[in-house]
C-alpha atoms as a PDB file:
ATOM      1  CA  MET A   1      16.538 -33.583  -8.032  1.00  0.00           C
ATOM      2  CA  LEU A   2      14.745 -30.262  -6.837  1.00  0.00           C
ATOM      3  CA  LYS A   3      11.654 -30.776  -4.802  1.00  0.00           C
ATOM      4  CA  ASN A   4       9.919 -27.747  -2.743  1.00  0.00           C
ATOM      5  CA  LYS A   5       9.600 -29.383   0.545  1.00  0.00           C
ATOM      6  CA  TYR A   6       9.914 -25.955   2.800  1.00  0.00           C
ATOM      7  CA  ASP A   7       8.748 -22.609   1.982  1.00  0.00           C
ATOM      8  CA  TYR A   8      12.003 -20.617   2.072  1.00  0.00           C
ATOM      9  CA  PRO A   9      11.704 -17.096   2.753  1.00  0.00           C
ATOM     10  CA  ASN A  10      13.575 -13.996   1.169  1.00  0.00           C
ATOM     11  CA  LEU A  11      15.873 -12.055   3.438  1.00  0.00           C
ATOM     12  CA  LYS A  12      17.054  -8.301   2.310  1.00  0.00           C
ATOM     13  CA  ARG A  13      20.772  -8.426   2.502  1.00  0.00           C
ATOM     14  CA  ILE A  14      22.639  -5.123   3.763  1.00  0.00           C
ATOM     15  CA  GLN A  15      26.172  -3.775   3.773  1.00  0.00           C
ATOM     16  CA  THR A  16      27.374  -2.158   6.994  1.00  0.00           C
ATOM     17  CA  LYS A  17      30.554  -1.100   8.588  1.00  0.00           C
ATOM     18  CA  GLN A  18      30.259  -4.288  10.789  1.00  0.00           C
ATOM     19  CA  GLY A  19      30.090  -6.416   7.613  1.00  0.00           C
ATOM     20  CA  ARG A  20      26.951  -8.292   5.970  1.00  0.00           C
ATOM     21  CA  ARG A  21      23.661  -8.273   7.755  1.00  0.00           C
ATOM     22  CA  TYR A  22      20.267  -9.668   7.017  1.00  0.00           C
ATOM     23  CA  VAL A  23      16.969  -8.394   7.970  1.00  0.00           C
ATOM     24  CA  GLY A  24      13.759 -10.661   8.268  1.00  0.00           C
ATOM     25  CA  GLU A  25      10.368  -9.985   9.058  1.00  0.00           C
ATOM     26  CA  ASP A  26      11.341  -8.400  12.349  1.00  0.00           C
ATOM     27  CA  GLU A  27      13.004  -6.067  10.153  1.00  0.00           C
ATOM     28  CA  LYS A  28      15.768  -5.996  12.738  1.00  0.00           C
ATOM     29  CA  PRO A  29      19.183  -6.715  11.279  1.00  0.00           C
ATOM     30  CA  VAL A  30      21.201  -9.670  12.244  1.00  0.00           C
ATOM     31  CA  PRO A  31      24.965 -10.292  11.345  1.00  0.00           C
ATOM     32  CA  SER A  32      25.570 -13.298   8.856  1.00  0.00           C
ATOM     33  CA  VAL A  33      27.251 -16.555  10.055  1.00  0.00           C
ATOM     34  CA  THR A  34      30.450 -15.777   8.212  1.00  0.00           C
ATOM     35  CA  THR A  35      30.806 -12.371   9.718  1.00  0.00           C
ATOM     36  CA  ILE A  36      30.489 -13.678  13.433  1.00  0.00           C
ATOM     37  CA  LEU A  37      33.188 -16.553  12.207  1.00  0.00           C
ATOM     38  CA  GLY A  38      35.528 -14.025  10.784  1.00  0.00           C
ATOM     39  CA  ASP A  39      35.121 -11.736  14.006  1.00  0.00           C
ATOM     40  CA  THR A  40      35.639 -14.064  15.997  1.00  0.00           C
ATOM     41  CA  GLY A  41      38.561 -16.783  14.653  1.00  0.00           C
ATOM     42  CA  ASP A  42      42.637 -16.680  14.948  1.00  0.00           C
ATOM     43  CA  LYS A  43      43.728 -14.773  12.262  1.00  0.00           C
ATOM     44  CA  THR A  44      47.462 -15.444  12.974  1.00  0.00           C
ATOM     45  CA  ALA A  45      47.964 -17.694  10.209  1.00  0.00           C
ATOM     46  CA  LEU A  46      46.213 -15.555   7.408  1.00  0.00           C
ATOM     47  CA  ILE A  47      48.464 -12.437   8.792  1.00  0.00           C
ATOM     48  CA  ALA A  48      51.434 -14.345   8.719  1.00  0.00           C
ATOM     49  CA  TRP A  49      50.755 -15.474   5.170  1.00  0.00           C
ATOM     50  CA  ARG A  50      49.935 -11.587   3.694  1.00  0.00           C
ATOM     51  CA  LYS A  51      53.276 -10.662   5.399  1.00  0.00           C
ATOM     52  CA  ARG A  52      55.035 -13.705   3.682  1.00  0.00           C
ATOM     53  CA  VAL A  53      53.956 -13.132   0.134  1.00  0.00           C
ATOM     54  CA  GLY A  54      53.096  -9.176   0.555  1.00  0.00           C
ATOM     55  CA  ASP A  55      49.839  -7.344   0.076  1.00  0.00           C
ATOM     56  CA  ALA A  56      49.650  -6.945  -3.238  1.00  0.00           C
ATOM     57  CA  GLU A  57      49.866 -10.567  -4.141  1.00  0.00           C
ATOM     58  CA  ALA A  58      47.660 -11.643  -1.202  1.00  0.00           C
ATOM     59  CA  THR A  59      45.207  -9.255  -2.564  1.00  0.00           C
ATOM     60  CA  ARG A  60      45.341 -10.901  -6.384  1.00  0.00           C
ATOM     61  CA  ILE A  61      45.122 -14.260  -4.893  1.00  0.00           C
ATOM     62  CA  SER A  62      41.945 -13.768  -2.946  1.00  0.00           C
ATOM     63  CA  THR A  63      40.171 -11.974  -5.689  1.00  0.00           C
ATOM     64  CA  GLU A  64      41.330 -14.837  -8.177  1.00  0.00           C
ATOM     65  CA  SER A  65      40.011 -17.253  -5.520  1.00  0.00           C
ATOM     66  CA  ALA A  66      36.864 -15.374  -4.849  1.00  0.00           C
ATOM     67  CA  GLY A  67      36.116 -14.989  -8.479  1.00  0.00           C
ATOM     68  CA  LEU A  68      36.792 -18.714  -9.254  1.00  0.00           C
ATOM     69  CA  GLY A  69      34.527 -19.937  -6.422  1.00  0.00           C
ATOM     70  CA  THR A  70      31.469 -17.520  -7.438  1.00  0.00           C
ATOM     71  CA  LYS A  71      31.991 -18.808 -11.084  1.00  0.00           C
ATOM     72  CA  VAL A  72      31.857 -22.601  -9.769  1.00  0.00           C
ATOM     73  CA  HIS A  73      28.866 -21.461  -7.232  1.00  0.00           C
ATOM     74  CA  ASN A  74      26.850 -19.951  -9.819  1.00  0.00           C
ATOM     75  CA  ALA A  75      27.378 -22.767 -12.317  1.00  0.00           C
ATOM     76  CA  LEU A  76      26.267 -25.489 -10.009  1.00  0.00           C
ATOM     77  CA  GLU A  77      23.268 -23.311  -8.829  1.00  0.00           C
ATOM     78  CA  LYS A  78      21.949 -23.033 -12.938  1.00  0.00           C
ATOM     79  CA  TYR A  79      22.596 -26.769 -13.119  1.00  0.00           C
ATOM     80  CA  ILE A  80      20.705 -27.848 -10.062  1.00  0.00           C
ATOM     81  CA  LEU A  81      18.145 -25.761 -11.552  1.00  0.00           C
ATOM     82  CA  GLY A  82      18.044 -26.881 -14.606  1.00  0.00           C
ATOM     83  CA  GLU A  83      19.168 -23.831 -16.008  1.00  0.00           C
ATOM     84  CA  GLU A  84      21.679 -23.080 -18.737  1.00  0.00           C
ATOM     85  CA  TRP A  85      25.005 -23.698 -16.878  1.00  0.00           C
ATOM     86  CA  ASN A  86      28.083 -24.571 -19.084  1.00  0.00           C
ATOM     87  CA  THR A  87      28.379 -20.955 -20.150  1.00  0.00           C
ATOM     88  CA  PHE A  88      31.992 -20.466 -19.331  1.00  0.00           C
ATOM     89  CA  GLY A  89      34.964 -18.219 -20.903  1.00  0.00           C
ATOM     90  CA  ASN A  90      37.895 -18.686 -22.116  1.00  0.00           C
ATOM     91  CA  ASN A  91      40.196 -17.079 -19.565  1.00  0.00           C
ATOM     92  CA  HIS A  92      42.046 -18.922 -16.832  1.00  0.00           C
ATOM     93  CA  VAL A  93      39.893 -18.373 -14.229  1.00  0.00           C
ATOM     94  CA  SER A  94      36.568 -19.364 -16.962  1.00  0.00           C
ATOM     95  CA  ILE A  95      38.753 -22.594 -17.907  1.00  0.00           C
ATOM     96  CA  LEU A  96      39.424 -23.615 -14.354  1.00  0.00           C
ATOM     97  CA  ALA A  97      35.923 -23.075 -13.073  1.00  0.00           C
ATOM     98  CA  GLU A  98      34.454 -25.062 -16.200  1.00  0.00           C
ATOM     99  CA  SER A  99      37.141 -28.056 -15.104  1.00  0.00           C
ATOM    100  CA  MET A 100      35.983 -27.743 -11.331  1.00  0.00           C
ATOM    101  CA  THR A 101      32.207 -27.620 -11.821  1.00  0.00           C
ATOM    102  CA  ASN A 102      32.273 -30.568 -13.713  1.00  0.00           C
ATOM    103  CA  GLU A 103      34.190 -32.990 -11.503  1.00  0.00           C
ATOM    104  CA  MET A 104      32.020 -31.188  -8.728  1.00  0.00           C
ATOM    105  CA  VAL A 105      28.794 -32.332 -11.144  1.00  0.00           C
ATOM    106  CA  ASN A 106      30.120 -36.262 -11.765  1.00  0.00           C
ATOM    107  CA  ASN A 107      31.463 -36.904  -8.407  1.00  0.00           C
ATOM    108  CA  GLY A 108      29.751 -34.581  -5.645  1.00  0.00           C
ATOM    109  CA  LEU A 109      25.971 -34.092  -6.892  1.00  0.00           C
ATOM    110  CA  THR A 110      26.243 -37.745  -7.751  1.00  0.00           C
ATOM    111  CA  LYS A 111      25.664 -38.161  -3.787  1.00  0.00           C
ATOM    112  CA  ILE A 112      22.229 -36.239  -3.844  1.00  0.00           C
ATOM    113  CA  ASP A 113      19.395 -37.530  -3.564  1.00  0.00           C
ATOM    114  CA  GLU A 114      17.248 -34.710  -3.644  1.00  0.00           C
ATOM    115  CA  LEU A 115      17.257 -31.056  -3.120  1.00  0.00           C
ATOM    116  CA  TRP A 116      14.611 -28.963  -0.968  1.00  0.00           C
ATOM    117  CA  GLY A 117      16.395 -25.532  -1.893  1.00  0.00           C
ATOM    118  CA  VAL A 118      19.510 -23.904  -3.146  1.00  0.00           C
ATOM    119  CA  GLU A 119      20.955 -20.531  -1.912  1.00  0.00           C
ATOM    120  CA  VAL A 120      18.792 -21.246   1.106  1.00  0.00           C
ATOM    121  CA  ALA A 121      18.059 -17.819   3.566  1.00  0.00           C
ATOM    122  CA  LEU A 122      18.283 -19.411   6.995  1.00  0.00           C
ATOM    123  CA  ILE A 123      18.035 -17.175  10.260  1.00  0.00           C
ATOM    124  CA  ALA A 124      17.714 -17.587  13.921  1.00  0.00           C
ATOM    125  CA  LYS A 125      15.740 -14.686  15.115  1.00  0.00           C
ATOM    126  CA  GLY A 126      17.557 -12.037  16.867  1.00  0.00           C
ATOM    127  CA  LEU A 127      20.636 -13.709  16.823  1.00  0.00           C
ATOM    128  CA  TYR A 128      22.113 -14.730  13.204  1.00  0.00           C
ATOM    129  CA  ALA A 129      21.159 -15.534   9.606  1.00  0.00           C
ATOM    130  CA  GLY A 130      23.012 -16.755   6.466  1.00  0.00           C
ATOM    131  CA  THR A 131      22.512 -18.678   3.252  1.00  0.00           C
ATOM    132  CA  SER A 132      23.275 -22.474   2.887  1.00  0.00           C
ATOM    133  CA  ASP A 133      24.228 -23.520  -0.613  1.00  0.00           C
ATOM    134  CA  ALA A 134      22.008 -26.150  -0.298  1.00  0.00           C
ATOM    135  CA  VAL A 135      19.503 -28.485   1.972  1.00  0.00           C
ATOM    136  CA  GLY A 136      18.518 -31.888   1.256  1.00  0.00           C
ATOM    137  CA  MET A 137      19.350 -35.516   1.105  1.00  0.00           C
ATOM    138  CA  PHE A 138      22.833 -36.331   0.813  1.00  0.00           C
ATOM    139  CA  ASN A 139      23.509 -40.276   0.954  1.00  0.00           C
ATOM    140  CA  GLY A 140      20.124 -40.786   2.069  1.00  0.00           C
ATOM    141  CA  VAL A 141      20.587 -38.432   5.127  1.00  0.00           C
ATOM    142  CA  GLU A 142      18.983 -34.966   5.747  1.00  0.00           C
ATOM    143  CA  SER A 143      21.783 -32.808   5.550  1.00  0.00           C
ATOM    144  CA  ILE A 144      23.165 -28.984   5.355  1.00  0.00           C
ATOM    145  CA  ILE A 145      25.513 -29.137   1.839  1.00  0.00           C
ATOM    146  CA  ASP A 146      28.057 -26.748   1.032  1.00  0.00           C
ATOM    147  CA  PHE A 147      30.040 -26.529  -1.772  1.00  0.00           C
ATOM    148  CA  LYS A 148      33.644 -25.415  -1.303  1.00  0.00           C
ATOM    149  CA  THR A 149      36.467 -24.712  -3.669  1.00  0.00           C
ATOM    150  CA  ALA A 150      40.222 -24.859  -2.980  1.00  0.00           C
ATOM    151  CA  LYS A 151      43.709 -24.645  -4.062  1.00  0.00           C
ATOM    152  CA  LYS A 152      44.121 -28.165  -2.689  1.00  0.00           C
ATOM    153  CA  ILE A 153      42.109 -30.400  -0.925  1.00  0.00           C
ATOM    154  CA  LYS A 154      41.946 -29.029   2.313  1.00  0.00           C
ATOM    155  CA  LYS A 155      43.297 -31.511   5.732  1.00  0.00           C
ATOM    156  CA  ARG A 156      39.888 -31.989   7.680  1.00  0.00           C
ATOM    157  CA  GLU A 157      41.288 -30.303  10.685  1.00  0.00           C
ATOM    158  CA  TRP A 158      41.955 -26.654   8.596  1.00  0.00           C
ATOM    159  CA  ILE A 159      38.007 -26.726   7.977  1.00  0.00           C
ATOM    160  CA  GLU A 160      36.262 -26.545  11.460  1.00  0.00           C
ATOM    161  CA  ASP A 161      34.710 -22.666  10.397  1.00  0.00           C
ATOM    162  CA  TYR A 162      33.144 -24.867   7.720  1.00  0.00           C
ATOM    163  CA  PHE A 163      31.787 -27.733   9.888  1.00  0.00           C
ATOM    164  CA  MET A 164      30.403 -24.277  12.243  1.00  0.00           C
ATOM    165  CA  GLN A 165      29.179 -22.465   9.283  1.00  0.00           C
ATOM    166  CA  GLY A 166      26.786 -25.663   8.587  1.00  0.00           C
ATOM    167  CA  CYS A 167      25.635 -26.161  12.270  1.00  0.00           C
ATOM    168  CA  ALA A 168      24.696 -22.577  12.235  1.00  0.00           C
ATOM    169  CA  TYR A 169      22.380 -23.380   9.078  1.00  0.00           C
ATOM    170  CA  ALA A 170      21.364 -26.694  10.672  1.00  0.00           C
ATOM    171  CA  LEU A 171      20.421 -25.004  13.855  1.00  0.00           C
ATOM    172  CA  ALA A 172      18.518 -21.935  11.936  1.00  0.00           C
ATOM    173  CA  HIS A 173      17.038 -24.355   9.657  1.00  0.00           C
ATOM    174  CA  ASN A 174      15.622 -26.831  12.828  1.00  0.00           C
ATOM    175  CA  GLU A 175      14.429 -23.944  14.084  1.00  0.00           C
ATOM    176  CA  MET A 176      12.310 -22.336  11.498  1.00  0.00           C
ATOM    177  CA  PHE A 177      10.695 -25.256  10.292  1.00  0.00           C
ATOM    178  CA  GLY A 178      11.008 -28.141  12.824  1.00  0.00           C
ATOM    179  CA  SER A 179      13.319 -30.145  10.726  1.00  0.00           C
ATOM    180  CA  ASN A 180      15.790 -32.554  12.624  1.00  0.00           C
ATOM    181  CA  ILE A 181      18.977 -31.635  10.533  1.00  0.00           C
ATOM    182  CA  GLN A 182      22.146 -33.391  12.193  1.00  0.00           C
ATOM    183  CA  THR A 183      24.262 -33.459   9.519  1.00  0.00           C
ATOM    184  CA  VAL A 184      26.417 -31.349   7.747  1.00  0.00           C
ATOM    185  CA  ALA A 185      28.368 -32.146   4.234  1.00  0.00           C
ATOM    186  CA  ILE A 186      30.951 -30.230   2.726  1.00  0.00           C
ATOM    187  CA  LEU A 187      31.517 -31.118  -0.894  1.00  0.00           C
ATOM    188  CA  MET A 188      35.223 -29.735  -2.039  1.00  0.00           C
ATOM    189  CA  ILE A 189      36.266 -29.814  -5.247  1.00  0.00           C
ATOM    190  CA  ASP A 190      40.459 -28.447  -6.197  1.00  0.00           C
ATOM    191  CA  ARG A 191      42.092 -26.780  -9.370  1.00  0.00           C
ATOM    192  CA  GLU A 192      43.617 -30.332 -10.172  1.00  0.00           C
ATOM    193  CA  GLY A 193      40.100 -31.853 -10.053  1.00  0.00           C
ATOM    194  CA  LYS A 194      40.236 -33.671  -7.026  1.00  0.00           C
ATOM    195  CA  TYR A 195      37.183 -34.278  -5.092  1.00  0.00           C
ATOM    196  CA  LYS A 196      36.225 -35.012  -1.734  1.00  0.00           C
ATOM    197  CA  ASP A 197      33.355 -34.801   0.673  1.00  0.00           C
ATOM    198  CA  PHE A 198      33.588 -34.187   4.585  1.00  0.00           C
ATOM    199  CA  VAL A 199      30.664 -35.314   6.615  1.00  0.00           C
ATOM    200  CA  ILE A 200      29.859 -34.570   9.926  1.00  0.00           C
ATOM    201  CA  GLU A 201      27.099 -36.097  12.155  1.00  0.00           C
ATOM    202  CA  GLY A 202      26.325 -37.699  15.562  1.00  0.00           C
ATOM    203  CA  ASP A 203      28.605 -36.523  18.504  1.00  0.00           C
ATOM    204  CA  GLU A 204      30.855 -34.667  16.056  1.00  0.00           C
ATOM    205  CA  PHE A 205      27.884 -32.708  15.000  1.00  0.00           C
ATOM    206  CA  ASN A 206      26.991 -32.051  18.727  1.00  0.00           C
ATOM    207  CA  GLU A 207      30.361 -30.937  19.254  1.00  0.00           C
ATOM    208  CA  TYR A 208      30.267 -28.343  16.441  1.00  0.00           C
ATOM    209  CA  CYS A 209      27.455 -27.024  17.227  1.00  0.00           C
ATOM    210  CA  ASP A 210      28.681 -26.111  20.985  1.00  0.00           C
ATOM    211  CA  LYS A 211      31.650 -25.113  19.180  1.00  0.00           C
ATOM    212  CA  TRP A 212      29.637 -22.257  16.764  1.00  0.00           C
ATOM    213  CA  SER A 213      27.377 -21.492  20.260  1.00  0.00           C
ATOM    214  CA  SER A 214      30.765 -20.456  21.700  1.00  0.00           C
ATOM    215  CA  ARG A 215      31.977 -18.377  18.961  1.00  0.00           C
ATOM    216  CA  LEU A 216      28.154 -17.049  18.992  1.00  0.00           C
ATOM    217  CA  ALA A 217      28.537 -16.081  22.813  1.00  0.00           C
ATOM    218  CA  ASP A 218      31.896 -14.493  22.331  1.00  0.00           C
ATOM    219  CA  TYR A 219      31.100 -12.611  19.089  1.00  0.00           C
ATOM    220  CA  TYR A 220      27.907 -11.041  21.209  1.00  0.00           C
ATOM    221  CA  SER A 221      29.898 -10.408  24.269  1.00  0.00           C
ATOM    222  CA  LYS A 222      32.070  -7.866  22.780  1.00  0.00           C
END
């Protein structure tokens, strides 16, 4: 599955008061894609949710979700690299992670023809950087591929930031390597083991590239 088509760089990550920064060859830190989206997004729903459930419960849920996502992502990366991956523990989160990873392998990874890299560091010089879960061929098309976990499969209109994130990575990849990636594939698995993929291409891809560019401009205008 894994083929070395591009020579992907290693970017140093640093944590600052303004969020995660990546440092490329020019030694100039740039913000991460997730930091930019987080700083320019509408937090109304998130604030309302925290008020509804309380800070303590919101923190517990967020921490559990982050831990679960990390376990699934790490297992998928090891699977793709041909390493021992099925080494989950016996606690609640580990059992969930094992089930979700197996479903993603059986339903999501089977749609990937080949991969050129996992945890791919990408940078748009002087503007932003980030790490794409994977880059390669999804259903026969060059794509930025992102693995997402969720409590329940999300509605398409709820994941606009995921699409913009993927477009940011595609634009950076095209700039760095002269590629022509115009497809983003979001592969999502939920806690019930349900799988769904969301793909943007063509006019929709261009639309989300424009939305990303607007968010990037908003970030730097502040």
